[in-house]
Amino acid sequence: MIGVLRKDIDREIRAFLADIKKNYRLHTVSGLLFSGIKDFLERKGKRIRPLLFLLAYQGYTKRKHFSYKKLLRSALSFELLHDFLLAHDDVIDKAFLRRGKPALHRSFNAMLDVSPDSGLGSDLGIVAGDVIFALAVEAFLSLDEVPSRKEKALRKFIETTVFTGAGEFIDIVSGIKRIDKIRRKDVLLNYTMKTAKYTFEGPMLTGAILAGAKKDELEKISGLGISLGQAFQILDDLVDVFLTSGETGKPALSDLYESKKTLLVWKTPKELGGRDKKTFNELFDKKNKTKTDLNELKDLVKRSGSAAYCLETCSSLLKEAESKTDDLRMAKKFKQGLTLVTGDLFSQLKRLEERAGKGPV
């Protein structure tokens, strides 16, 4: 089922772009803008956000007849929100790779035949991201539903965007703090705000609200979304350190280079002693790290055993998610879909256990 839904989402992205071309004629306003957005949206992705939206709506709706195409179009709102955030995030992080191809701002520089590091591409990437967000709102409005539910769901979509932006803001500010001033709860709060809200909780809650799910079910979904989101981010942090850019489609060791305060980084100096701890703190706080610096940091992370701590934390969160999913009163077929999403994360956990040099949790 998950594979079929992903294919449906990819097909609807192409249809949406065709409609945008027809209705807005962006290709005549600016061929550069439309080409950049089209390439960025069509890149291969997990589509987890629209997928969760679809599962939640269909799992709770009592309607026997509704337009599946319009539901698909509404689900795209969360994929477009994701793309908007990625475009801006890549400018902030000065990233050069996204989904195996140049980041959007880098693509604009290439199309204009200017330096890859030109600020022109960054400016254009920000503007293109703004356009993508506006298109996300349009996509959201596609589904025909009870107006009061639709308004409530739109408010949840906006709330999700606000909290995600706040999480990004906190993440940037934490970049100037020393690692020994960061608390575990600060890291997990950031994971909740920056990742869990728009990747898991928001899509599921919005779909369930549109379908008319009861308050107690919405509270369960919220808890499930936070557990899945925190686990997802911990896995992403481990992927950054232990997998290659060829495997992920984005730069490896970028979190270490940018001095991101991840759970993995928070735990590492606590497990190191003496010279190793001092070396880690000095290298981690260093600006313009060299490849040698990054490899030494990676080696210190591996020696510290902090990966095992993160894997165990992630495993615990995913087990919580399984239990919370079982407790949902939604249609069995679509509940099973949510279970498959958790299963995919468990599979990634096992892969990372092997790569990080750790046995089963």
Protein backbone atom coordinates (compact mmCIF):
# COMPACT_ATOMS: atom_id res chain seq x y z
CA MET A 1 0.00 0.00 0.00
CA ILE A 2 2.77 2.44 0.90
CA GLY A 3 4.44 1.97 -2.48
CA VAL A 4 1.18 2.61 -4.32
CA LEU A 5 0.50 5.79 -2.32
CA ARG A 6 4.00 7.09 -3.08
CA LYS A 7 3.46 6.53 -6.79
CA ASP A 8 0.11 8.33 -6.54
CA ILE A 9 1.80 11.28 -4.82
CA ASP A 10 4.55 11.48 -7.45
CA ARG A 11 1.96 11.40 -10.22
CA GLU A 12 -0.04 14.16 -8.53
CA ILE A 13 3.08 16.34 -8.19
CA ARG A 14 3.49 16.18 -11.97
CA ALA A 15 -0.20 16.98 -12.48
CA PHE A 16 0.03 19.88 -10.04
CA LEU A 17 2.99 21.34 -11.88
CA ALA A 18 1.08 21.08 -15.17
CA ASP A 19 -1.86 22.94 -13.59
CA ILE A 20 0.45 25.61 -12.18
CA LYS A 21 1.98 26.09 -15.60
CA LYS A 22 -1.48 26.47 -17.11
CA ASN A 23 -3.09 28.63 -14.40
CA TYR A 24 -0.21 30.89 -13.40
CA ARG A 25 1.91 30.72 -16.55
CA LEU A 26 5.02 31.02 -14.40
CA HIS A 27 7.07 29.72 -17.33
CA THR A 28 6.21 32.92 -19.24
CA VAL A 29 6.69 35.17 -16.20
CA SER A 30 10.09 33.58 -15.57
CA GLY A 31 11.29 30.40 -17.22
CA LEU A 32 14.12 30.31 -14.69
CA LEU A 33 11.73 30.35 -11.73
CA PHE A 34 9.42 27.68 -13.14
CA SER A 35 12.29 25.43 -14.24
CA GLY A 36 13.94 25.66 -10.83
CA ILE A 37 10.74 24.89 -8.94
CA LYS A 38 9.76 22.06 -11.31
CA ASP A 39 13.13 20.35 -11.01
CA PHE A 40 13.14 20.72 -7.22
CA LEU A 41 9.61 19.35 -6.69
CA GLU A 42 10.06 16.38 -9.02
CA ARG A 43 13.19 15.08 -7.31
CA LYS A 44 12.88 11.65 -5.72
CA GLY A 45 11.87 11.78 -2.06
CA LYS A 46 10.32 9.67 0.70
CA ARG A 47 6.98 11.58 0.47
CA ILE A 48 6.39 10.68 4.12
CA ARG A 49 4.41 13.84 4.95
CA PRO A 50 1.69 13.58 2.29
CA LEU A 51 1.66 9.84 2.89
CA LEU A 52 0.79 10.32 6.58
CA PHE A 53 -1.85 12.91 5.66
CA LEU A 54 -3.51 10.39 3.32
CA LEU A 55 -3.41 7.58 5.89
CA ALA A 56 -4.90 9.75 8.63
CA TYR A 57 -7.73 11.16 6.53
CA GLN A 58 -8.74 7.81 5.06
CA GLY A 59 -8.34 6.11 8.42
CA TYR A 60 -10.86 8.40 10.10
CA THR A 61 -13.27 9.63 7.43
CA LYS A 62 -16.83 8.35 7.54
CA ARG A 63 -17.47 9.44 3.95
CA LYS A 64 -18.04 6.59 1.55
CA HIS A 65 -17.56 8.80 -1.48
CA PHE A 66 -14.99 11.55 -1.92
CA SER A 67 -12.61 12.68 -4.64
CA TYR A 68 -9.36 10.77 -4.15
CA LYS A 69 -7.66 13.09 -6.65
CA LYS A 70 -8.64 16.15 -4.61
CA LEU A 71 -7.45 14.40 -1.45
CA LEU A 72 -4.11 13.71 -3.16
CA ARG A 73 -3.87 17.36 -4.17
CA SER A 74 -4.51 18.48 -0.58
CA ALA A 75 -1.89 16.02 0.67
CA LEU A 76 0.69 17.75 -1.53
CA SER A 77 0.47 20.76 0.80
CA PHE A 78 2.80 19.02 3.25
CA GLU A 79 5.25 17.95 0.54
CA LEU A 80 5.34 21.54 -0.72
CA LEU A 81 5.78 22.82 2.84
CA HIS A 82 8.73 20.45 3.12
CA ASP A 83 10.24 21.73 -0.14
CA PHE A 84 9.78 25.35 0.96
CA LEU A 85 11.60 24.64 4.23
CA LEU A 86 14.38 22.72 2.45
CA ALA A 87 14.98 25.58 0.01
CA HIS A 88 15.40 28.07 2.84
CA ASP A 89 17.31 25.66 5.08
CA ASP A 90 19.85 24.96 2.34
CA VAL A 91 20.49 28.69 1.95
CA ILE A 92 20.94 29.07 5.72
CA ASP A 93 23.28 26.06 5.91
CA LYS A 94 25.07 26.97 2.65
CA ALA A 95 24.39 23.41 1.53
CA PHE A 96 25.41 22.36 -1.96
CA LEU A 97 23.53 19.07 -2.34
CA ARG A 98 19.88 18.07 -1.94
CA ARG A 99 18.33 14.76 -3.01
CA GLY A 100 21.40 13.88 -5.03
CA LYS A 101 21.40 17.11 -7.06
CA PRO A 102 22.51 20.71 -6.45
CA ALA A 103 20.53 22.57 -3.78
CA LEU A 104 17.92 24.89 -5.29
CA HIS A 105 20.00 28.04 -4.86
CA ARG A 106 22.96 26.25 -6.42
CA SER A 107 20.75 25.20 -9.35
CA PHE A 108 19.86 28.83 -10.01
CA ASN A 109 23.55 29.79 -10.06
CA ALA A 110 24.25 26.98 -12.55
CA MET A 111 21.35 28.01 -14.80
CA LEU A 112 22.57 31.63 -14.74
CA ASP A 113 26.18 30.51 -15.33
CA VAL A 114 27.55 32.37 -12.32
CA SER A 115 29.82 31.17 -9.51
CA PRO A 116 28.34 28.25 -7.53
CA ASP A 117 28.86 30.30 -4.36
CA SER A 118 27.23 33.47 -5.71
CA GLY A 119 24.75 35.15 -3.39
CA LEU A 120 22.45 35.60 -6.39
CA GLY A 121 21.36 31.97 -6.20
CA SER A 122 20.69 32.30 -2.47
CA ASP A 123 18.46 35.33 -3.04
CA LEU A 124 16.56 33.53 -5.77
CA GLY A 125 16.29 30.35 -3.68
CA ILE A 126 14.61 32.28 -0.88
CA VAL A 127 12.10 33.85 -3.26
CA ALA A 128 11.39 30.52 -4.97
CA GLY A 129 10.82 28.98 -1.54
CA ASP A 130 8.25 31.69 -0.79
CA VAL A 131 6.44 30.85 -4.04
CA ILE A 132 6.45 27.15 -3.14
CA PHE A 133 4.85 27.92 0.23
CA ALA A 134 2.07 29.91 -1.46
CA LEU A 135 1.47 26.92 -3.74
CA ALA A 136 1.30 24.69 -0.65
CA VAL A 137 -1.64 26.71 0.67
CA GLU A 138 -3.39 26.47 -2.70
CA ALA A 139 -2.91 22.71 -2.77
CA PHE A 140 -4.29 22.40 0.76
CA LEU A 141 -7.59 24.03 -0.22
CA SER A 142 -8.32 21.45 -2.94
CA LEU A 143 -10.33 18.94 -0.89
CA ASP A 144 -14.09 19.40 -0.55
CA GLU A 145 -14.90 18.99 3.13
CA VAL A 146 -17.11 20.44 5.85
CA PRO A 147 -16.09 24.15 5.99
CA SER A 148 -15.61 24.17 9.78
CA ARG A 149 -13.26 21.17 9.57
CA LYS A 150 -11.43 22.69 6.65
CA GLU A 151 -10.85 25.93 8.56
CA LYS A 152 -9.69 24.04 11.67
CA ALA A 153 -7.35 21.92 9.57
CA LEU A 154 -5.92 24.98 7.82
CA ARG A 155 -5.23 26.53 11.22
CA LYS A 156 -3.36 23.36 12.17
CA PHE A 157 -1.34 23.58 8.94
CA ILE A 158 -0.44 27.20 9.74
CA GLU A 159 0.36 26.34 13.36
CA THR A 160 2.64 23.55 12.14
CA THR A 161 4.50 26.01 9.90
CA VAL A 162 4.87 28.53 12.73
CA PHE A 163 6.30 25.98 15.16
CA THR A 164 8.67 24.60 12.53
CA GLY A 165 9.95 28.11 11.83
CA ALA A 166 10.39 28.66 15.56
CA GLY A 167 12.35 25.41 15.75
CA GLU A 168 14.66 26.58 12.96
CA PHE A 169 15.14 29.89 14.78
CA ILE A 170 16.07 28.08 18.01
CA ASP A 171 18.43 25.82 16.07
CA ILE A 172 20.28 28.80 14.60
CA VAL A 173 20.55 30.57 17.96
CA SER A 174 21.86 27.40 19.62
CA GLY A 175 24.66 27.45 17.07
CA ILE A 176 26.44 30.19 19.02
CA LYS A 177 26.16 28.34 22.34
CA ARG A 178 28.90 26.10 23.65
CA ILE A 179 28.04 22.42 23.66
CA ASP A 180 28.45 22.20 27.45
CA LYS A 181 25.68 24.78 27.83
CA ILE A 182 23.16 22.65 25.91
CA ARG A 183 20.80 20.36 27.84
CA ARG A 184 19.26 17.12 26.60
CA LYS A 185 15.78 18.56 26.90
CA ASP A 186 16.85 21.51 24.73
CA VAL A 187 17.89 19.10 21.97
CA LEU A 188 14.66 17.10 22.17
CA LEU A 189 12.54 20.27 22.19
CA ASN A 190 14.27 21.37 19.01
CA TYR A 191 13.60 17.96 17.45
CA THR A 192 9.93 18.32 18.34
CA MET A 193 9.65 21.86 16.95
CA LYS A 194 11.83 21.56 13.87
CA THR A 195 11.10 17.99 12.75
CA ALA A 196 8.25 16.22 14.54
CA LYS A 197 5.70 19.00 14.08
CA TYR A 198 5.75 19.16 10.30
CA THR A 199 6.99 15.68 9.42
CA PHE A 200 4.70 13.54 11.57
CA GLU A 201 2.35 15.27 13.98
CA GLY A 202 1.16 18.02 11.61
CA PRO A 203 0.30 15.86 8.58
CA MET A 204 -1.48 13.23 10.68
CA LEU A 205 -3.40 15.74 12.79
CA THR A 206 -4.42 17.81 9.77
CA GLY A 207 -5.69 14.77 7.88
CA ALA A 208 -7.54 13.49 10.95
CA ILE A 209 -9.11 16.91 11.66
CA LEU A 210 -10.37 17.13 8.07
CA ALA A 211 -11.88 13.66 8.47
CA GLY A 212 -13.67 14.59 11.71
CA ALA A 213 -11.63 12.57 14.22
CA LYS A 214 -12.59 13.03 17.89
CA LYS A 215 -10.53 15.03 20.38
CA ASP A 216 -9.20 11.98 22.24
CA GLU A 217 -7.94 10.49 18.97
CA LEU A 218 -6.26 13.77 18.03
CA GLU A 219 -4.42 13.73 21.37
CA LYS A 220 -3.20 10.18 20.69
CA ILE A 221 -2.06 11.16 17.20
CA SER A 222 -0.15 14.11 18.63
CA GLY A 223 1.76 11.84 21.02
CA LEU A 224 2.47 9.37 18.23
CA GLY A 225 3.74 12.14 15.99
CA ILE A 226 6.17 13.44 18.60
CA SER A 227 7.60 9.97 19.29
CA LEU A 228 8.05 9.24 15.58
CA GLY A 229 9.47 12.69 14.88
CA GLN A 230 12.10 12.54 17.61
CA ALA A 231 13.14 9.05 16.51
CA PHE A 232 13.27 10.18 12.89
CA GLN A 233 15.57 13.10 13.75
CA ILE A 234 17.90 10.97 15.85
CA LEU A 235 18.22 8.58 12.91
CA ASP A 236 18.89 11.52 10.57
CA ASP A 237 21.67 12.71 12.88
CA LEU A 238 23.27 9.27 12.79
CA VAL A 239 22.90 9.09 9.01
CA ASP A 240 24.82 12.37 8.70
CA VAL A 241 27.82 10.86 10.50
CA PHE A 242 27.77 7.20 9.51
CA LEU A 243 26.52 7.17 5.90
CA THR A 244 28.12 8.73 2.82
CA SER A 245 26.75 11.52 0.64
CA GLY A 246 26.38 8.96 -2.16
CA GLU A 247 24.02 6.95 0.04
CA THR A 248 21.97 9.90 1.31
CA GLY A 249 21.97 12.44 -1.54
CA LYS A 250 23.15 15.21 0.79
CA PRO A 251 26.53 16.21 2.23
CA ALA A 252 27.97 13.88 4.87
CA LEU A 253 29.24 15.24 8.21
CA SER A 254 27.40 18.53 7.60
CA ASP A 255 26.02 18.59 11.17
CA LEU A 256 29.56 18.38 12.56
CA TYR A 257 30.78 21.02 10.12
CA GLU A 258 27.96 23.38 11.11
CA SER A 259 28.35 22.59 14.85
CA LYS A 260 24.74 21.42 15.11
CA LYS A 261 23.74 20.52 18.67
CA THR A 262 22.38 17.03 18.01
CA LEU A 263 21.73 14.34 20.62
CA LEU A 264 24.76 12.48 19.25
CA VAL A 265 26.97 15.55 19.75
CA TRP A 266 25.46 16.36 23.16
CA LYS A 267 26.30 12.86 24.42
CA THR A 268 29.80 12.55 22.91
CA PRO A 269 31.82 14.85 25.24
CA LYS A 270 30.01 13.40 28.26
CA GLU A 271 31.47 10.00 27.36
CA LEU A 272 34.97 11.24 26.54
CA GLY A 273 37.64 12.09 29.04
CA GLY A 274 40.86 14.06 29.31
CA ARG A 275 42.55 15.02 26.04
CA ASP A 276 39.83 13.45 23.86
CA LYS A 277 37.11 15.58 25.43
CA LYS A 278 39.19 18.74 25.09
CA THR A 279 40.04 17.94 21.46
CA PHE A 280 36.40 17.26 20.62
CA ASN A 281 35.18 20.53 22.15
CA GLU A 282 37.88 22.57 20.42
CA LEU A 283 37.31 21.02 17.01
CA PHE A 284 33.53 21.14 17.32
CA ASP A 285 33.56 24.87 18.13
CA LYS A 286 36.05 25.62 15.35
CA LYS A 287 34.83 27.59 12.34
CA ASN A 288 35.77 26.50 8.81
CA LYS A 289 36.62 22.94 9.79
CA THR A 290 38.91 21.03 7.46
CA LYS A 291 38.28 17.51 6.17
CA THR A 292 40.88 16.30 8.67
CA ASP A 293 39.02 18.04 11.49
CA LEU A 294 35.74 16.38 10.47
CA ASN A 295 37.28 12.93 10.24
CA GLU A 296 38.83 13.37 13.70
CA LEU A 297 35.48 14.48 15.11
CA LYS A 298 33.81 11.46 13.53
CA ASP A 299 36.43 9.18 15.06
CA LEU A 300 35.87 10.72 18.50
CA VAL A 301 32.11 10.26 18.14
CA LYS A 302 32.63 6.59 17.31
CA ARG A 303 35.06 6.06 20.19
CA SER A 304 32.75 7.73 22.70
CA GLY A 305 29.96 5.21 22.27
CA SER A 306 27.41 8.01 21.96
CA ALA A 307 25.94 6.29 18.89
CA ALA A 308 24.84 3.37 21.07
CA TYR A 309 23.04 5.78 23.39
CA CYS A 310 21.24 7.41 20.47
CA LEU A 311 20.29 4.06 18.95
CA GLU A 312 18.84 2.89 22.24
CA THR A 313 16.91 6.15 22.65
CA CYS A 314 15.58 5.81 19.12
CA SER A 315 14.57 2.19 19.67
CA SER A 316 12.65 3.17 22.80
CA LEU A 317 10.82 5.95 20.94
CA LEU A 318 9.87 3.62 18.07
CA LYS A 319 8.52 1.02 20.53
CA GLU A 320 6.44 3.80 22.10
CA ALA A 321 5.19 4.68 18.62
CA GLU A 322 4.16 1.08 17.97
CA SER A 323 2.15 1.01 21.19
CA LYS A 324 0.51 4.36 20.45
CA THR A 325 -0.42 3.22 16.93
CA ASP A 326 -2.07 0.08 18.30
CA ASP A 327 -4.21 2.28 20.56
CA LEU A 328 -5.67 4.33 17.67
CA ARG A 329 -9.31 3.73 16.68
CA MET A 330 -8.91 4.13 12.94
CA ALA A 331 -9.70 1.88 10.00
CA LYS A 332 -7.49 -1.22 10.17
CA LYS A 333 -6.09 -0.93 6.65
CA PHE A 334 -4.75 2.57 7.23
CA LYS A 335 -3.55 1.83 10.76
CA GLN A 336 -1.46 -0.92 9.19
CA GLY A 337 -0.03 1.74 6.88
CA LEU A 338 1.15 3.71 9.93
CA THR A 339 2.71 0.53 11.30
CA LEU A 340 4.65 0.13 8.05
CA VAL A 341 6.03 3.66 8.41
CA THR A 342 7.33 2.79 11.89
CA GLY A 343 8.69 -0.46 10.46
CA ASP A 344 10.67 1.48 7.86
CA LEU A 345 12.27 3.49 10.65
CA PHE A 346 13.10 0.29 12.54
CA SER A 347 14.79 -1.02 9.37
CA GLN A 348 16.89 2.12 9.16
CA LEU A 349 17.73 1.73 12.84
CA LYS A 350 19.08 -1.79 12.21
CA ARG A 351 21.13 -0.56 9.27
CA LEU A 352 22.69 2.16 11.40
CA GLU A 353 23.40 -0.29 14.22
CA GLU A 354 25.56 -2.24 11.78
CA ARG A 355 27.26 0.85 10.37
CA ALA A 356 27.95 2.38 13.78
CA GLY A 357 29.55 -0.85 14.94
CA LYS A 358 26.85 -1.83 17.39
CA GLY A 359 24.87 -5.03 17.78
CA PRO A 360 21.09 -5.24 18.12
CA VAL A 361 19.46 -2.98 20.70
